Amino acid sequence: MTTHIKSLENDLQIPLFDRLGKKVLLTKAGHQFYPYALELLTIYEKAQEIPQNVDHPKGTLTITSNESLAVYRLPRLLQAYKQKNPQVHIVLETATNEQALKKLQDGETDIIFLMGEAIEHDNFITSTLFDETFGWIFPTDLVPYDNPFHFLQDSQFIYTEQSCGYRKMVNHYLHMNGTIPDKTFETSSIEVIKQSVMCGLGIAILPHIVVQENCKKEQLIFKQIQTPSLIQSHAIYHKSRWISPVLQSFLTSLEKIKDLQMNPEM
C-alpha cells in the first residue's frame, strides 16, 4: 500500500499524507484529492458490474428521494422496473431536497427524485416526470368555504419543514393572498400532517398525490388551488458520472413513463 501511495504522490507531484511517527494524516492536497479518489473507486466498482448481456442488467441501483415521492410515486415505478429487471438490487433512501442534491454531487447516489420548481444545475441532468396538483386539506367535519382562508382565523396552519421542495411555493401562495397564519406548527412528516388534519388539529396545503387515497376513503377533504408556480416531480442524475447498464435501464423505464403521461392511449 505504501508503494502505491508513494507512486501516486510522485505522479501528482504533491504529498497526499503527512507521516507523523505512527500517525498518517491527509495533507491539504490529500483532502482535495479525496473526493476524486472516491469517484474513481465508484466508477471501478460500477465497471465490475457490467454484465455480459446489457439487456439483463445486474447490480445495485441507489435512489435518493424526498418523502412524498418515495411513498406515493416511486413504489409503483420501482415495482414495474423490478419485474423486468429482477437481478437489480434497489436501495431507496429518503432525504430533503438539499440533502439529496448534495448526495448526488458527492457521488453517494445514482439518481434522485425531488418535488419542487424546475432545478437547473450545470452538473446535473433533469428529467421532469409529473406536474403536481396542490390543494387545501381539511378534516371531513368541516365544510370548506369558497374562501378557505376563513378557516385560518380559528385553525392552525400546518407547515412542512423549511427544506421541503414546495414550502417556498406555499409561503408565496399565502402571502399572495394577503395571509400570514398566526397559529402554526411545523413537521417534516407528511403522515403527521395528514393525521393532524384528520384529528382536527389544523389545516394544510399538500400535493394531491399524498392524500388521494385518504380522500377516496372520505378521511380528508381536498380543495385544489392555483399555485403561483409550477411544482413538478423530477428525476435527476449527474452528467459527469458513468451511466452503468443498471442506471441506463432505469432511465429508459422513466422515459417510457413520460411517454405514457404525454400519450395516455399508447
Protein backbone atom coordinates (compact mmCIF):
# COMPACT_ATOMS: atom_id res chain seq x y z
CA MET A 1 0.00 0.00 0.00
CA THR A 2 2.84 2.39 0.90
CA THR A 3 4.40 1.81 -2.52
CA HIS A 4 1.11 2.63 -4.27
CA ILE A 5 0.70 5.82 -2.23
CA LYS A 6 4.24 6.97 -2.97
CA SER A 7 3.74 6.19 -6.66
CA LEU A 8 0.54 8.25 -6.67
CA GLU A 9 2.26 11.15 -4.91
CA ASN A 10 5.09 11.01 -7.45
CA ASP A 11 2.62 11.07 -10.33
CA LEU A 12 0.73 14.02 -8.83
CA GLN A 13 3.95 15.69 -7.66
CA ILE A 14 2.32 16.60 -4.33
CA PRO A 15 2.33 14.93 -0.89
CA LEU A 16 -1.06 13.45 0.00
CA PHE A 17 -0.18 12.34 3.53
CA ASP A 18 1.77 13.71 6.47
CA ARG A 19 3.63 10.92 8.24
CA LEU A 20 3.97 11.92 11.89
CA GLY A 21 5.56 8.99 13.66
CA LYS A 22 2.96 6.22 13.69
CA LYS A 23 0.23 8.62 12.58
CA VAL A 24 -0.64 9.19 8.93
CA LEU A 25 -2.80 12.25 8.21
CA LEU A 26 -4.13 13.73 5.00
CA THR A 27 -2.44 16.91 3.81
CA LYS A 28 -4.49 19.80 2.44
CA ALA A 29 -3.86 18.42 -1.06
CA GLY A 30 -4.89 14.98 0.21
CA HIS A 31 -8.23 16.35 1.40
CA GLN A 32 -8.75 17.96 -2.02
CA PHE A 33 -7.89 14.72 -3.80
CA TYR A 34 -10.10 12.55 -1.55
CA PRO A 35 -13.46 13.11 -3.34
CA TYR A 36 -11.82 12.30 -6.69
CA ALA A 37 -10.46 9.08 -5.22
CA LEU A 38 -13.96 8.15 -4.06
CA GLU A 39 -15.33 8.87 -7.52
CA LEU A 40 -12.66 6.68 -9.13
CA LEU A 41 -13.48 3.84 -6.73
CA THR A 42 -17.18 4.18 -7.51
CA ILE A 43 -16.52 4.05 -11.26
CA TYR A 44 -14.29 1.00 -10.76
CA GLU A 45 -16.98 -0.78 -8.73
CA LYS A 46 -19.63 0.06 -11.31
CA ALA A 47 -17.38 -1.17 -14.13
CA GLN A 48 -17.13 -4.53 -12.38
CA GLU A 49 -20.92 -4.80 -12.51
CA ILE A 50 -21.08 -4.64 -16.31
CA PRO A 51 -22.89 -7.81 -17.37
CA GLN A 52 -22.13 -9.84 -20.47
CA ASN A 53 -25.62 -9.05 -21.69
CA VAL A 54 -26.62 -5.42 -21.18
CA ASP A 55 -30.24 -6.37 -21.85
CA HIS A 56 -30.31 -8.05 -18.44
CA PRO A 57 -28.54 -5.62 -16.09
CA LYS A 58 -27.28 -6.83 -12.75
CA GLY A 59 -26.04 -4.74 -9.86
CA THR A 60 -27.15 -2.12 -7.35
CA LEU A 61 -29.23 0.99 -8.04
CA THR A 62 -29.12 3.60 -5.28
CA ILE A 63 -32.02 6.05 -5.27
CA THR A 64 -32.49 9.08 -3.02
CA SER A 65 -35.91 10.73 -2.88
CA ASN A 66 -37.95 13.13 -0.82
CA GLU A 67 -40.62 11.53 1.35
CA SER A 68 -43.65 12.40 -0.78
CA LEU A 69 -42.29 10.75 -3.91
CA ALA A 70 -40.69 7.83 -2.05
CA VAL A 71 -44.05 6.92 -0.51
CA TYR A 72 -46.59 7.90 -3.14
CA ARG A 73 -44.90 7.83 -6.57
CA LEU A 74 -41.88 5.54 -6.56
CA PRO A 75 -43.28 2.21 -5.29
CA ARG A 76 -45.30 1.60 -8.46
CA LEU A 77 -42.45 2.77 -10.68
CA LEU A 78 -39.98 0.52 -8.89
CA GLN A 79 -42.38 -2.41 -8.96
CA ALA A 80 -42.69 -2.18 -12.75
CA TYR A 81 -38.91 -1.80 -13.13
CA LYS A 82 -38.13 -4.68 -10.76
CA GLN A 83 -40.45 -7.05 -12.62
CA LYS A 84 -38.40 -6.54 -15.78
CA ASN A 85 -35.04 -6.38 -14.01
CA PRO A 86 -35.16 -8.93 -11.17
CA GLN A 87 -31.38 -9.07 -10.75
CA VAL A 88 -31.10 -5.39 -9.86
CA HIS A 89 -30.81 -4.66 -6.13
CA ILE A 90 -32.57 -1.38 -5.30
CA VAL A 91 -31.56 0.81 -2.37
CA LEU A 92 -34.09 3.58 -1.68
CA GLU A 93 -33.38 6.25 0.92
CA THR A 94 -35.27 9.42 1.82
CA ALA A 95 -33.80 12.89 2.23
CA THR A 96 -34.66 16.55 1.91
CA ASN A 97 -34.11 18.21 -1.45
CA GLU A 98 -30.91 19.84 -0.21
CA GLN A 99 -29.56 16.58 1.21
CA ALA A 100 -30.42 14.65 -1.95
CA LEU A 101 -28.68 17.19 -4.20
CA LYS A 102 -25.55 17.02 -2.04
CA LYS A 103 -25.54 13.21 -2.16
CA LEU A 104 -25.79 13.36 -5.95
CA GLN A 105 -22.99 15.91 -6.20
CA ASP A 106 -20.79 13.82 -3.89
CA GLY A 107 -21.41 10.61 -5.86
CA GLU A 108 -23.23 8.89 -2.99
CA THR A 109 -26.34 8.05 -5.01
CA ASP A 110 -27.12 7.13 -8.62
CA ILE A 111 -30.29 9.17 -9.11
CA ILE A 112 -32.52 11.42 -7.04
CA PHE A 113 -36.23 12.24 -7.14
CA LEU A 114 -37.39 15.66 -5.98
CA MET A 115 -40.64 17.58 -5.94
CA GLY A 116 -40.36 21.31 -6.49
CA GLU A 117 -39.83 24.02 -9.06
CA ALA A 118 -37.54 23.47 -12.05
CA ILE A 119 -33.99 22.69 -10.94
CA GLU A 120 -31.09 24.00 -13.01
CA HIS A 121 -27.54 22.87 -12.24
CA ASP A 122 -24.51 22.74 -14.51
CA ASN A 123 -23.54 19.26 -13.32
CA PHE A 124 -26.97 17.63 -13.37
CA ILE A 125 -29.40 16.33 -15.98
CA THR A 126 -33.06 16.73 -15.02
CA SER A 127 -35.99 14.75 -16.38
CA THR A 128 -39.40 16.12 -15.42
CA LEU A 129 -41.93 13.35 -14.79
CA PHE A 130 -45.18 14.80 -13.43
CA ASP A 131 -46.93 18.12 -12.91
CA GLU A 132 -48.18 18.04 -9.32
CA THR A 133 -51.57 19.35 -8.18
CA PHE A 134 -51.86 21.07 -4.80
CA GLY A 135 -54.75 21.96 -2.55
CA TRP A 136 -56.08 22.73 0.90
CA ILE A 137 -56.53 19.73 3.19
CA PHE A 138 -59.47 19.78 5.61
CA PRO A 139 -60.92 17.32 8.12
CA THR A 140 -64.19 15.78 6.97
CA ASP A 141 -66.27 17.50 9.66
CA LEU A 142 -65.53 20.89 8.11
CA VAL A 143 -67.39 22.17 5.07
CA PRO A 144 -64.88 24.28 3.08
CA TYR A 145 -65.91 27.86 2.35
CA ASP A 146 -65.47 29.25 -1.13
CA ASN A 147 -62.60 31.13 0.53
CA PRO A 148 -60.63 28.62 2.65
CA PHE A 149 -58.63 31.46 4.23
CA HIS A 150 -61.58 31.98 6.61
CA PHE A 151 -60.53 28.83 8.44
CA LEU A 152 -57.18 30.36 9.35
CA GLN A 153 -58.96 32.69 11.79
CA ASP A 154 -59.69 29.74 14.07
CA SER A 155 -57.46 26.90 12.84
CA GLN A 156 -53.74 26.20 12.93
CA PHE A 157 -51.90 26.06 9.64
CA ILE A 158 -49.62 23.03 9.50
CA TYR A 159 -46.40 23.61 7.56
CA THR A 160 -43.99 21.16 6.03
CA GLU A 161 -40.36 21.72 7.08
CA GLN A 162 -38.42 24.69 5.69
CA SER A 163 -36.30 22.46 3.44
CA CYS A 164 -39.36 20.93 1.76
CA GLY A 165 -39.30 21.39 -2.02
CA TYR A 166 -42.68 23.13 -2.14
CA ARG A 167 -42.55 25.09 1.15
CA LYS A 168 -41.46 28.22 -0.74
CA MET A 169 -44.44 27.90 -3.09
CA VAL A 170 -46.86 27.51 -0.16
CA ASN A 171 -45.43 30.62 1.53
CA HIS A 172 -45.74 32.54 -1.73
CA TYR A 173 -49.34 31.41 -2.17
CA LEU A 174 -50.30 32.51 1.35
CA HIS A 175 -48.55 35.88 1.03
CA MET A 176 -50.03 36.42 -2.43
CA ASN A 177 -53.45 36.12 -0.82
CA GLY A 178 -52.55 38.53 1.96
CA THR A 179 -52.33 35.87 4.65
CA ILE A 180 -49.67 35.11 7.23
CA PRO A 181 -51.07 32.43 9.57
CA ASP A 182 -50.89 33.37 13.27
CA LYS A 183 -51.34 29.84 14.59
CA THR A 184 -48.91 27.37 13.05
CA PHE A 185 -46.84 24.32 13.67
CA GLU A 186 -44.28 22.59 11.50
CA THR A 187 -43.28 18.98 10.90
CA SER A 188 -41.07 17.06 8.49
CA SER A 189 -43.55 14.17 8.18
CA ILE A 190 -46.35 14.15 5.61
CA GLU A 191 -48.11 11.42 7.59
CA VAL A 192 -48.05 13.57 10.74
CA ILE A 193 -49.63 16.43 8.79
CA LYS A 194 -52.40 14.20 7.43
CA GLN A 195 -53.16 12.60 10.79
CA SER A 196 -53.15 16.02 12.49
CA VAL A 197 -55.67 17.37 9.99
CA MET A 198 -57.85 14.27 10.39
CA CYS A 199 -57.87 14.85 14.16
CA GLY A 200 -58.89 18.48 13.73
CA LEU A 201 -55.58 19.98 14.84
CA GLY A 202 -55.35 22.25 11.82
CA ILE A 203 -55.41 22.56 8.04
CA ALA A 204 -52.63 22.34 5.45
CA ILE A 205 -51.69 22.60 1.79
CA LEU A 206 -50.33 19.38 0.28
CA PRO A 207 -49.90 17.67 -3.11
CA HIS A 208 -52.96 15.72 -4.22
CA ILE A 209 -50.86 12.59 -4.74
CA VAL A 210 -50.23 12.25 -0.98
CA VAL A 211 -53.91 12.47 0.02
CA GLN A 212 -55.82 10.94 -2.88
CA GLU A 213 -56.34 7.60 -1.11
CA ASN A 214 -57.47 9.38 2.06
CA CYS A 215 -59.97 11.40 0.03
CA LYS A 216 -61.31 8.24 -1.63
CA LYS A 217 -61.87 6.80 1.86
CA GLU A 218 -63.55 10.08 2.92
CA GLN A 219 -60.91 10.69 5.59
CA LEU A 220 -59.91 14.11 4.25
CA ILE A 221 -61.30 16.86 2.02
CA PHE A 222 -59.11 18.24 -0.79
CA LYS A 223 -59.78 21.67 -2.33
CA GLN A 224 -57.48 22.38 -5.29
CA ILE A 225 -55.62 25.68 -5.52
CA GLN A 226 -54.00 27.56 -8.38
CA THR A 227 -50.33 27.52 -7.41
CA PRO A 228 -48.25 30.66 -8.09
CA SER A 229 -45.52 28.49 -9.63
CA LEU A 230 -45.48 25.10 -11.31
CA ILE A 231 -44.44 22.31 -8.96
CA GLN A 232 -43.24 19.14 -10.65
CA SER A 233 -41.64 15.81 -9.85
CA HIS A 234 -38.12 15.45 -11.24
CA ALA A 235 -35.62 12.65 -11.71
CA ILE A 236 -32.05 13.98 -11.62
CA TYR A 237 -28.69 12.34 -12.27
CA HIS A 238 -25.09 13.55 -12.59
CA LYS A 239 -23.95 14.33 -16.13
CA SER A 240 -20.28 13.59 -15.39
CA ARG A 241 -20.74 10.15 -13.85
CA TRP A 242 -20.54 6.98 -15.88
CA ILE A 243 -24.02 5.62 -16.61
CA SER A 244 -23.99 1.93 -15.74
CA PRO A 245 -26.26 -0.56 -17.53
CA VAL A 246 -28.39 -0.63 -14.36
CA LEU A 247 -28.88 3.14 -14.34
CA GLN A 248 -29.36 3.23 -18.11
CA SER A 249 -32.13 0.63 -17.94
CA PHE A 250 -33.81 2.63 -15.17
CA LEU A 251 -33.60 5.87 -17.16
CA THR A 252 -35.13 4.07 -20.14
CA SER A 253 -38.04 2.92 -17.98
CA LEU A 254 -38.58 6.51 -16.80
CA GLU A 255 -38.72 7.74 -20.39
CA LYS A 256 -41.44 5.19 -21.11
CA ILE A 257 -43.41 6.54 -18.16
CA LYS A 258 -43.07 10.08 -19.53
CA ASP A 259 -44.32 8.89 -22.92
CA LEU A 260 -47.37 7.32 -21.28
CA GLN A 261 -48.09 10.56 -19.42
CA MET A 262 -47.96 12.54 -22.65
CA ASN A 263 -49.77 9.90 -24.73
CA PRO A 264 -52.22 8.03 -22.45
CA GLU A 265 -53.55 5.93 -25.35
CA MET A 266 -50.13 4.32 -26.02
